[in-house]
Amino acid sequence: HKDAGCRLCVDHCPVSAINLSERVPIIPTIDPQACIRCGV
């Protein structure tokens, strides 16, 4: 649902490696260079 508004992964990533696309569908993506593989 486009208005779900969930940002748990984005807000809890300690290195801001997760982003949500600005267009619908809103898809979470991980930056492999920024990700530190902490598993949170």
PDB file of all heavy atoms in Angstrom:
ATOM      1  N   HIS A   1       0.854  -1.187   0.000  1.00  0.00           N
ATOM      2  CA  HIS A   1       0.000   0.000   0.000  1.00  0.00           C
ATOM      3  C   HIS A   1       0.889   1.235   0.000  1.00  0.00           C
ATOM      4  O   HIS A   1       1.780   1.369   0.836  1.00  0.00           O
ATOM      5  CB  HIS A   1      -0.920   0.012   1.224  1.00  0.00           C
ATOM      6  CG  HIS A   1      -2.067   0.975   1.118  1.00  0.00           C
ATOM      7  ND1 HIS A   1      -1.895   2.338   1.194  1.00  0.00           N
ATOM      8  CD2 HIS A   1      -3.400   0.780   0.914  1.00  0.00           C
ATOM      9  CE1 HIS A   1      -3.057   2.945   1.070  1.00  0.00           C
ATOM     10  NE2 HIS A   1      -3.992   2.024   0.897  1.00  0.00           N
ATOM     11  N   LYS A   2       0.648   2.135  -0.933  1.00  0.00           N
ATOM     12  CA  LYS A   2       1.521   3.294  -1.122  1.00  0.00           C
ATOM     13  C   LYS A   2       1.536   4.232   0.080  1.00  0.00           C
ATOM     14  O   LYS A   2       2.465   5.026   0.246  1.00  0.00           O
ATOM     15  CB  LYS A   2       1.101   4.071  -2.365  1.00  0.00           C
ATOM     16  CG  LYS A   2      -0.300   4.668  -2.315  1.00  0.00           C
ATOM     17  CD  LYS A   2      -0.647   5.374  -3.612  1.00  0.00           C
ATOM     18  CE  LYS A   2      -2.052   5.979  -3.569  1.00  0.00           C
ATOM     19  NZ  LYS A   2      -2.170   7.016  -2.526  1.00  0.00           N
ATOM     20  N   ASP A   3       0.514   4.167   0.925  1.00  0.00           N
ATOM     21  CA  ASP A   3       0.450   5.044   2.095  1.00  0.00           C
ATOM     22  C   ASP A   3       0.786   4.315   3.390  1.00  0.00           C
ATOM     23  O   ASP A   3       0.450   4.801   4.475  1.00  0.00           O
ATOM     24  CB  ASP A   3      -0.952   5.668   2.211  1.00  0.00           C
ATOM     25  CG  ASP A   3      -1.260   6.613   1.059  1.00  0.00           C
ATOM     26  OD1 ASP A   3      -0.320   7.275   0.580  1.00  0.00           O
ATOM     27  OD2 ASP A   3      -2.432   6.671   0.630  1.00  0.00           O
ATOM     28  N   ALA A   4       1.424   3.152   3.297  1.00  0.00           N
ATOM     29  CA  ALA A   4       1.785   2.409   4.512  1.00  0.00           C
ATOM     30  C   ALA A   4       2.732   3.222   5.392  1.00  0.00           C
ATOM     31  O   ALA A   4       2.612   3.251   6.615  1.00  0.00           O
ATOM     32  CB  ALA A   4       2.415   1.070   4.142  1.00  0.00           C
ATOM     33  N   GLY A   5       3.695   3.880   4.774  1.00  0.00           N
ATOM     34  CA  GLY A   5       4.585   4.771   5.517  1.00  0.00           C
ATOM     35  C   GLY A   5       5.596   4.080   6.413  1.00  0.00           C
ATOM     36  O   GLY A   5       6.150   4.714   7.322  1.00  0.00           O
ATOM     37  N   CYS A   6       5.865   2.792   6.202  1.00  0.00           N
ATOM     38  CA  CYS A   6       6.831   2.095   7.050  1.00  0.00           C
ATOM     39  C   CYS A   6       8.249   2.522   6.698  1.00  0.00           C
ATOM     40  O   CYS A   6       8.649   2.499   5.526  1.00  0.00           O
ATOM     41  CB  CYS A   6       6.677   0.583   6.889  1.00  0.00           C
ATOM     42  SG  CYS A   6       7.771  -0.354   7.981  1.00  0.00           S
ATOM     43  N   ARG A   7       9.026   2.889   7.721  1.00  0.00           N
ATOM     44  CA  ARG A   7      10.424   3.310   7.538  1.00  0.00           C
ATOM     45  C   ARG A   7      11.346   2.643   8.570  1.00  0.00           C
ATOM     46  O   ARG A   7      12.408   3.160   8.890  1.00  0.00           O
ATOM     47  CB  ARG A   7      10.537   4.828   7.671  1.00  0.00           C
ATOM     48  CG  ARG A   7       9.917   5.623   6.539  1.00  0.00           C
ATOM     49  CD  ARG A   7      10.080   7.126   6.778  1.00  0.00           C
ATOM     50  NE  ARG A   7      11.451   7.466   7.121  1.00  0.00           N
ATOM     51  CZ  ARG A   7      12.400   7.733   6.222  1.00  0.00           C
ATOM     52  NH1 ARG A   7      12.112   7.689   4.925  1.00  0.00           N
ATOM     53  NH2 ARG A   7      13.630   8.050   6.601  1.00  0.00           N
ATOM     54  N   LEU A   8      10.936   1.514   9.093  1.00  0.00           N
ATOM     55  CA  LEU A   8      11.715   0.883  10.155  1.00  0.00           C
ATOM     56  C   LEU A   8      13.136   0.560   9.708  1.00  0.00           C
ATOM     57  O   LEU A   8      14.100   0.816  10.440  1.00  0.00           O
ATOM     58  CB  LEU A   8      11.005  -0.391  10.629  1.00  0.00           C
ATOM     59  CG  LEU A   8       9.717  -0.186  11.433  1.00  0.00           C
ATOM     60  CD1 LEU A   8       9.041  -1.516  11.701  1.00  0.00           C
ATOM     61  CD2 LEU A   8      10.033   0.527  12.741  1.00  0.00           C
ATOM     62  N   CYS A   9      13.282  -0.006   8.524  1.00  0.00           N
ATOM     63  CA  CYS A   9      14.623  -0.379   8.058  1.00  0.00           C
ATOM     64  C   CYS A   9      15.472   0.851   7.819  1.00  0.00           C
ATOM     65  O   CYS A   9      16.669   0.884   8.167  1.00  0.00           O
ATOM     66  CB  CYS A   9      14.538  -1.233   6.795  1.00  0.00           C
ATOM     67  SG  CYS A   9      13.691  -0.437   5.396  1.00  0.00           S
ATOM     68  N   VAL A  10      14.882   1.893   7.233  1.00  0.00           N
ATOM     69  CA  VAL A  10      15.623   3.121   6.940  1.00  0.00           C
ATOM     70  C   VAL A  10      16.052   3.818   8.228  1.00  0.00           C
ATOM     71  O   VAL A  10      17.203   4.243   8.384  1.00  0.00           O
ATOM     72  CB  VAL A  10      14.769   4.079   6.078  1.00  0.00           C
ATOM     73  CG1 VAL A  10      15.482   5.413   5.865  1.00  0.00           C
ATOM     74  CG2 VAL A  10      14.453   3.438   4.737  1.00  0.00           C
ATOM     75  N   ASP A  11      15.123   3.925   9.172  1.00  0.00           N
ATOM     76  CA  ASP A  11      15.403   4.668  10.401  1.00  0.00           C
ATOM     77  C   ASP A  11      16.366   3.935  11.331  1.00  0.00           C
ATOM     78  O   ASP A  11      17.051   4.587  12.141  1.00  0.00           O
ATOM     79  CB  ASP A  11      14.097   4.950  11.148  1.00  0.00           C
ATOM     80  CG  ASP A  11      13.185   5.894  10.382  1.00  0.00           C
ATOM     81  OD1 ASP A  11      13.692   6.618   9.503  1.00  0.00           O
ATOM     82  OD2 ASP A  11      11.965   5.907  10.649  1.00  0.00           O
ATOM     83  N   HIS A  12      16.447   2.604  11.240  1.00  0.00           N
ATOM     84  CA  HIS A  12      17.292   1.856  12.164  1.00  0.00           C
ATOM     85  C   HIS A  12      18.653   1.479  11.581  1.00  0.00           C
ATOM     86  O   HIS A  12      19.523   1.023  12.328  1.00  0.00           O
ATOM     87  CB  HIS A  12      16.578   0.588  12.634  1.00  0.00           C
ATOM     88  CG  HIS A  12      15.478   0.851  13.621  1.00  0.00           C
ATOM     89  ND1 HIS A  12      14.183   1.042  13.233  1.00  0.00           N
ATOM     90  CD2 HIS A  12      15.486   0.975  14.973  1.00  0.00           C
ATOM     91  CE1 HIS A  12      13.429   1.266  14.301  1.00  0.00           C
ATOM     92  NE2 HIS A  12      14.195   1.218  15.361  1.00  0.00           N
ATOM     93  N   CYS A  13      18.841   1.642  10.288  1.00  0.00           N
ATOM     94  CA  CYS A  13      20.147   1.325   9.712  1.00  0.00           C
ATOM     95  C   CYS A  13      21.194   2.292  10.262  1.00  0.00           C
ATOM     96  O   CYS A  13      21.060   3.511  10.096  1.00  0.00           O
ATOM     97  CB  CYS A  13      20.102   1.419   8.188  1.00  0.00           C
ATOM     98  SG  CYS A  13      21.701   1.056   7.398  1.00  0.00           S
ATOM     99  N   PRO A  14      22.249   1.811  10.905  1.00  0.00           N
ATOM    100  CA  PRO A  14      23.214   2.714  11.564  1.00  0.00           C
ATOM    101  C   PRO A  14      24.107   3.478  10.598  1.00  0.00           C
ATOM    102  O   PRO A  14      24.785   4.420  11.010  1.00  0.00           O
ATOM    103  CB  PRO A  14      24.042   1.758  12.435  1.00  0.00           C
ATOM    104  CG  PRO A  14      23.982   0.451  11.710  1.00  0.00           C
ATOM    105  CD  PRO A  14      22.605   0.397  11.109  1.00  0.00           C
ATOM    106  N   VAL A  15      24.111   3.088   9.319  1.00  0.00           N
ATOM    107  CA  VAL A  15      24.985   3.763   8.345  1.00  0.00           C
ATOM    108  C   VAL A  15      24.188   4.319   7.168  1.00  0.00           C
ATOM    109  O   VAL A  15      24.764   4.673   6.138  1.00  0.00           O
ATOM    110  CB  VAL A  15      26.087   2.806   7.834  1.00  0.00           C
ATOM    111  CG1 VAL A  15      27.058   2.468   8.949  1.00  0.00           C
ATOM    112  CG2 VAL A  15      25.480   1.524   7.250  1.00  0.00           C
ATOM    113  N   SER A  16      22.863   4.393   7.299  1.00  0.00           N
ATOM    114  CA  SER A  16      21.996   4.951   6.256  1.00  0.00           C
ATOM    115  C   SER A  16      22.231   4.284   4.906  1.00  0.00           C
ATOM    116  O   SER A  16      22.317   4.947   3.863  1.00  0.00           O
ATOM    117  CB  SER A  16      22.210   6.470   6.141  1.00  0.00           C
ATOM    118  OG  SER A  16      21.943   7.114   7.361  1.00  0.00           O
ATOM    119  N   ALA A  17      22.337   2.952   4.915  1.00  0.00           N
ATOM    120  CA  ALA A  17      22.594   2.211   3.682  1.00  0.00           C
ATOM    121  C   ALA A  17      21.311   1.787   2.973  1.00  0.00           C
ATOM    122  O   ALA A  17      21.367   1.254   1.868  1.00  0.00           O
ATOM    123  CB  ALA A  17      23.439   0.978   3.983  1.00  0.00           C
ATOM    124  N   ILE A  18      20.139   2.022   3.599  1.00  0.00           N
ATOM    125  CA  ILE A  18      18.858   1.603   3.017  1.00  0.00           C
ATOM    126  C   ILE A  18      18.068   2.830   2.599  1.00  0.00           C
ATOM    127  O   ILE A  18      17.978   3.813   3.349  1.00  0.00           O
ATOM    128  CB  ILE A  18      18.046   0.759   4.010  1.00  0.00           C
ATOM    129  CG1 ILE A  18      18.854  -0.453   4.470  1.00  0.00           C
ATOM    130  CG2 ILE A  18      16.727   0.306   3.383  1.00  0.00           C
ATOM    131  CD1 ILE A  18      18.157  -1.301   5.502  1.00  0.00           C
ATOM    132  N   ASN A  19      17.525   2.777   1.399  1.00  0.00           N
ATOM    133  CA  ASN A  19      16.727   3.877   0.878  1.00  0.00           C
ATOM    134  C   ASN A  19      15.411   3.356   0.331  1.00  0.00           C
ATOM    135  O   ASN A  19      15.303   2.201  -0.095  1.00  0.00           O
ATOM    136  CB  ASN A  19      17.488   4.606  -0.236  1.00  0.00           C
ATOM    137  CG  ASN A  19      18.768   5.244   0.268  1.00  0.00           C
ATOM    138  OD1 ASN A  19      18.754   6.252   0.970  1.00  0.00           O
ATOM    139  ND2 ASN A  19      19.898   4.656  -0.094  1.00  0.00           N
ATOM    140  N   LEU A  20      14.407   4.211   0.344  1.00  0.00           N
ATOM    141  CA  LEU A  20      13.117   3.910  -0.261  1.00  0.00           C
ATOM    142  C   LEU A  20      12.982   4.729  -1.540  1.00  0.00           C
ATOM    143  O   LEU A  20      13.278   5.929  -1.552  1.00  0.00           O
ATOM    144  CB  LEU A  20      11.970   4.250   0.697  1.00  0.00           C
ATOM    145  CG  LEU A  20      11.905   3.460   2.005  1.00  0.00           C
ATOM    146  CD1 LEU A  20      10.763   3.976   2.871  1.00  0.00           C
ATOM    147  CD2 LEU A  20      11.724   1.979   1.731  1.00  0.00           C
ATOM    148  N   SER A  21      12.565   4.078  -2.607  1.00  0.00           N
ATOM    149  CA  SER A  21      12.408   4.778  -3.880  1.00  0.00           C
ATOM    150  C   SER A  21      11.353   5.864  -3.750  1.00  0.00           C
ATOM    151  O   SER A  21      10.389   5.741  -2.988  1.00  0.00           O
ATOM    152  CB  SER A  21      12.025   3.792  -4.984  1.00  0.00           C
ATOM    153  OG  SER A  21      10.801   3.153  -4.672  1.00  0.00           O
ATOM    154  N   GLU A  22      11.526   6.948  -4.494  1.00  0.00           N
ATOM    155  CA  GLU A  22      10.602   8.076  -4.417  1.00  0.00           C
ATOM    156  C   GLU A  22       9.355   7.866  -5.260  1.00  0.00           C
ATOM    157  O   GLU A  22       8.359   8.562  -5.088  1.00  0.00           O
ATOM    158  CB  GLU A  22      11.316   9.358  -4.860  1.00  0.00           C
ATOM    159  CG  GLU A  22      12.492   9.739  -3.954  1.00  0.00           C
ATOM    160  CD  GLU A  22      13.161  11.016  -4.392  1.00  0.00           C
ATOM    161  OE1 GLU A  22      12.739  11.583  -5.419  1.00  0.00           O
ATOM    162  OE2 GLU A  22      14.112  11.462  -3.709  1.00  0.00           O
ATOM    163  N   ARG A  23       9.410   6.919  -6.174  1.00  0.00           N
ATOM    164  CA  ARG A  23       8.260   6.657  -7.036  1.00  0.00           C
ATOM    165  C   ARG A  23       7.525   5.393  -6.582  1.00  0.00           C
ATOM    166  O   ARG A  23       8.086   4.516  -5.952  1.00  0.00           O
ATOM    167  CB  ARG A  23       8.708   6.496  -8.489  1.00  0.00           C
ATOM    168  CG  ARG A  23       9.329   7.770  -9.088  1.00  0.00           C
ATOM    169  CD  ARG A  23       9.701   7.539 -10.537  1.00  0.00           C
ATOM    170  NE  ARG A  23      10.258   8.744 -11.134  1.00  0.00           N
ATOM    171  CZ  ARG A  23      10.671   8.830 -12.395  1.00  0.00           C
ATOM    172  NH1 ARG A  23      10.560   7.776 -13.191  1.00  0.00           N
ATOM    173  NH2 ARG A  23      11.164   9.967 -12.867  1.00  0.00           N
ATOM    174  N   VAL A  24       6.250   5.333  -6.948  1.00  0.00           N
ATOM    175  CA  VAL A  24       5.437   4.150  -6.655  1.00  0.00           C
ATOM    176  C   VAL A  24       5.741   3.085  -7.703  1.00  0.00           C
ATOM    177  O   VAL A  24       5.786   3.393  -8.901  1.00  0.00           O
ATOM    178  CB  VAL A  24       3.942   4.509  -6.658  1.00  0.00           C
ATOM    179  CG1 VAL A  24       3.092   3.271  -6.417  1.00  0.00           C
ATOM    180  CG2 VAL A  24       3.653   5.593  -5.609  1.00  0.00           C
ATOM    181  N   PRO A  25       5.958   1.798  -7.347  1.00  0.00           N
ATOM    182  CA  PRO A  25       5.922   1.304  -5.964  1.00  0.00           C
ATOM    183  C   PRO A  25       7.168   1.699  -5.178  1.00  0.00           C
ATOM    184  O   PRO A  25       8.258   1.775  -5.733  1.00  0.00           O
ATOM    185  CB  PRO A  25       5.848  -0.216  -6.139  1.00  0.00           C
ATOM    186  CG  PRO A  25       6.553  -0.469  -7.436  1.00  0.00           C
ATOM    187  CD  PRO A  25       6.206   0.697  -8.307  1.00  0.00           C
ATOM    188  N   ILE A  26       6.982   1.969  -3.904  1.00  0.00           N
ATOM    189  CA  ILE A  26       8.086   2.382  -3.034  1.00  0.00           C
ATOM    190  C   ILE A  26       8.880   1.139  -2.641  1.00  0.00           C
ATOM    191  O   ILE A  26       8.417   0.324  -1.850  1.00  0.00           O
ATOM    192  CB  ILE A  26       7.540   3.113  -1.796  1.00  0.00           C
ATOM    193  CG1 ILE A  26       6.701   4.306  -2.223  1.00  0.00           C
ATOM    194  CG2 ILE A  26       8.673   3.548  -0.885  1.00  0.00           C
ATOM    195  CD1 ILE A  26       5.982   5.004  -1.089  1.00  0.00           C
ATOM    196  N   ILE A  27      10.075   1.004  -3.182  1.00  0.00           N
ATOM    197  CA  ILE A  27      10.865  -0.209  -3.005  1.00  0.00           C
ATOM    198  C   ILE A  27      12.093   0.069  -2.136  1.00  0.00           C
ATOM    199  O   ILE A  27      12.819   1.041  -2.387  1.00  0.00           O
ATOM    200  CB  ILE A  27      11.312  -0.766  -4.375  1.00  0.00           C
ATOM    201  CG1 ILE A  27      10.083  -1.121  -5.216  1.00  0.00           C
ATOM    202  CG2 ILE A  27      12.196  -1.983  -4.200  1.00  0.00           C
ATOM    203  CD1 ILE A  27      10.424  -1.551  -6.625  1.00  0.00           C
ATOM    204  N   PRO A  28      12.363  -0.757  -1.118  1.00  0.00           N
ATOM    205  CA  PRO A  28      13.580  -0.588  -0.312  1.00  0.00           C
ATOM    206  C   PRO A  28      14.792  -1.177  -1.029  1.00  0.00           C
ATOM    207  O   PRO A  28      14.736  -2.279  -1.571  1.00  0.00           O
ATOM    208  CB  PRO A  28      13.274  -1.371   0.972  1.00  0.00           C
ATOM    209  CG  PRO A  28      12.299  -2.423   0.528  1.00  0.00           C
ATOM    210  CD  PRO A  28      11.493  -1.827  -0.591  1.00  0.00           C
ATOM    211  N   THR A  29      15.860  -0.436  -1.057  1.00  0.00           N
ATOM    212  CA  THR A  29      17.094  -0.904  -1.692  1.00  0.00           C
ATOM    213  C   THR A  29      18.268  -0.699  -0.739  1.00  0.00           C
ATOM    214  O   THR A  29      18.271   0.232   0.073  1.00  0.00           O
ATOM    215  CB  THR A  29      17.382  -0.151  -3.000  1.00  0.00           C
ATOM    216  OG1 THR A  29      17.458   1.264  -2.739  1.00  0.00           O
ATOM    217  CG2 THR A  29      16.296  -0.418  -4.036  1.00  0.00           C
ATOM    218  N   ILE A  30      19.267  -1.572  -0.852  1.00  0.00           N
ATOM    219  CA  ILE A  30      20.461  -1.500  -0.006  1.00  0.00           C
ATOM    220  C   ILE A  30      21.651  -1.094  -0.859  1.00  0.00           C
ATOM    221  O   ILE A  30      21.902  -1.678  -1.921  1.00  0.00           O
ATOM    222  CB  ILE A  30      20.752  -2.854   0.664  1.00  0.00           C
ATOM    223  CG1 ILE A  30      19.591  -3.270   1.553  1.00  0.00           C
ATOM    224  CG2 ILE A  30      22.039  -2.788   1.490  1.00  0.00           C
ATOM    225  CD1 ILE A  30      19.790  -4.631   2.209  1.00  0.00           C
ATOM    226  N   ASP A  31      22.372  -0.084  -0.411  1.00  0.00           N
ATOM    227  CA  ASP A  31      23.608   0.329  -1.073  1.00  0.00           C
ATOM    228  C   ASP A  31      24.713  -0.633  -0.647  1.00  0.00           C
ATOM    229  O   ASP A  31      25.128  -0.617   0.522  1.00  0.00           O
ATOM    230  CB  ASP A  31      23.960   1.756  -0.666  1.00  0.00           C
ATOM    231  CG  ASP A  31      25.205   2.273  -1.373  1.00  0.00           C
ATOM    232  OD1 ASP A  31      25.945   1.467  -1.980  1.00  0.00           O
ATOM    233  OD2 ASP A  31      25.464   3.496  -1.302  1.00  0.00           O
ATOM    234  N   PRO A  32      25.219  -1.488  -1.553  1.00  0.00           N
ATOM    235  CA  PRO A  32      26.214  -2.495  -1.146  1.00  0.00           C
ATOM    236  C   PRO A  32      27.522  -1.888  -0.660  1.00  0.00           C
ATOM    237  O   PRO A  32      28.235  -2.518   0.131  1.00  0.00           O
ATOM    238  CB  PRO A  32      26.424  -3.322  -2.423  1.00  0.00           C
ATOM    239  CG  PRO A  32      26.000  -2.422  -3.530  1.00  0.00           C
ATOM    240  CD  PRO A  32      24.906  -1.572  -2.984  1.00  0.00           C
ATOM    241  N   GLN A  33      27.837  -0.683  -1.110  1.00  0.00           N
ATOM    242  CA  GLN A  33      29.067  -0.042  -0.655  1.00  0.00           C
ATOM    243  C   GLN A  33      28.915   0.537   0.748  1.00  0.00           C
ATOM    244  O   GLN A  33      29.860   0.530   1.545  1.00  0.00           O
ATOM    245  CB  GLN A  33      29.470   1.070  -1.637  1.00  0.00           C
ATOM    246  CG  GLN A  33      29.704   0.597  -3.054  1.00  0.00           C
ATOM    247  CD  GLN A  33      30.781  -0.483  -3.134  1.00  0.00           C
ATOM    248  OE1 GLN A  33      31.814  -0.401  -2.457  1.00  0.00           O
ATOM    249  NE2 GLN A  33      30.537  -1.502  -3.949  1.00  0.00           N
ATOM    250  N   ALA A  34      27.723   1.035   1.054  1.00  0.00           N
ATOM    251  CA  ALA A  34      27.493   1.632   2.375  1.00  0.00           C
ATOM    252  C   ALA A  34      27.174   0.597   3.440  1.00  0.00           C
ATOM    253  O   ALA A  34      27.475   0.794   4.617  1.00  0.00           O
ATOM    254  CB  ALA A  34      26.370   2.656   2.291  1.00  0.00           C
ATOM    255  N   CYS A  35      26.566  -0.520   3.043  1.00  0.00           N
ATOM    256  CA  CYS A  35      26.151  -1.548   4.006  1.00  0.00           C
ATOM    257  C   CYS A  35      27.359  -2.154   4.722  1.00  0.00           C
ATOM    258  O   CYS A  35      28.366  -2.489   4.092  1.00  0.00           O
ATOM    259  CB  CYS A  35      25.368  -2.637   3.275  1.00  0.00           C
ATOM    260  SG  CYS A  35      24.835  -4.003   4.331  1.00  0.00           S
ATOM    261  N   ILE A  36      27.248  -2.286   6.045  1.00  0.00           N
ATOM    262  CA  ILE A  36      28.333  -2.892   6.828  1.00  0.00           C
ATOM    263  C   ILE A  36      27.991  -4.316   7.266  1.00  0.00           C
ATOM    264  O   ILE A  36      28.746  -4.936   8.012  1.00  0.00           O
ATOM    265  CB  ILE A  36      28.664  -2.044   8.074  1.00  0.00           C
ATOM    266  CG1 ILE A  36      27.410  -1.833   8.931  1.00  0.00           C
ATOM    267  CG2 ILE A  36      29.295  -0.718   7.675  1.00  0.00           C
ATOM    268  CD1 ILE A  36      27.688  -1.144  10.247  1.00  0.00           C
ATOM    269  N   ARG A  37      26.842  -4.855   6.821  1.00  0.00           N
ATOM    270  CA  ARG A  37      26.435  -6.239   7.092  1.00  0.00           C
ATOM    271  C   ARG A  37      26.192  -6.499   8.577  1.00  0.00           C
ATOM    272  O   ARG A  37      26.437  -7.601   9.084  1.00  0.00           O
ATOM    273  CB  ARG A  37      27.468  -7.241   6.607  1.00  0.00           C
ATOM    274  CG  ARG A  37      27.669  -7.357   5.104  1.00  0.00           C
ATOM    275  CD  ARG A  37      28.315  -6.182   4.494  1.00  0.00           C
ATOM    276  NE  ARG A  37      29.001  -6.498   3.233  1.00  0.00           N
ATOM    277  CZ  ARG A  37      29.213  -5.603   2.296  1.00  0.00           C
ATOM    278  NH1 ARG A  37      28.773  -4.364   2.439  1.00  0.00           N
ATOM    279  NH2 ARG A  37      29.875  -5.938   1.203  1.00  0.00           N
ATOM    280  N   CYS A  38      25.706  -5.488   9.319  1.00  0.00           N
ATOM    281  CA  CYS A  38      25.489  -5.667  10.753  1.00  0.00           C
ATOM    282  C   CYS A  38      24.285  -6.560  11.035  1.00  0.00           C
ATOM    283  O   CYS A  38      24.180  -7.143  12.112  1.00  0.00           O
ATOM    284  CB  CYS A  38      25.327  -4.322  11.446  1.00  0.00           C
ATOM    285  SG  CYS A  38      23.813  -3.415  11.010  1.00  0.00           S
ATOM    286  N   GLY A  39      23.324  -6.647  10.098  1.00  0.00           N
ATOM    287  CA  GLY A  39      22.191  -7.552  10.252  1.00  0.00           C
ATOM    288  C   GLY A  39      20.985  -6.977  10.949  1.00  0.00           C
ATOM    289  O   GLY A  39      20.001  -7.690  11.155  1.00  0.00           O
ATOM    290  N   VAL A  40      21.001  -5.696  11.311  1.00  0.00           N
ATOM    291  CA  VAL A  40      19.886  -5.110  12.051  1.00  0.00           C
ATOM    292  C   VAL A  40      18.612  -5.072  11.210  1.00  0.00           C
ATOM    293  O   VAL A  40      17.511  -5.262  11.734  1.00  0.00           O
ATOM    294  CB  VAL A  40      20.267  -3.697  12.547  1.00  0.00           C
ATOM    295  CG1 VAL A  40      19.046  -2.927  12.992  1.00  0.00           C
ATOM    296  CG2 VAL A  40      21.251  -3.800  13.696  1.00  0.00           C
TER     297      VAL A  40
END
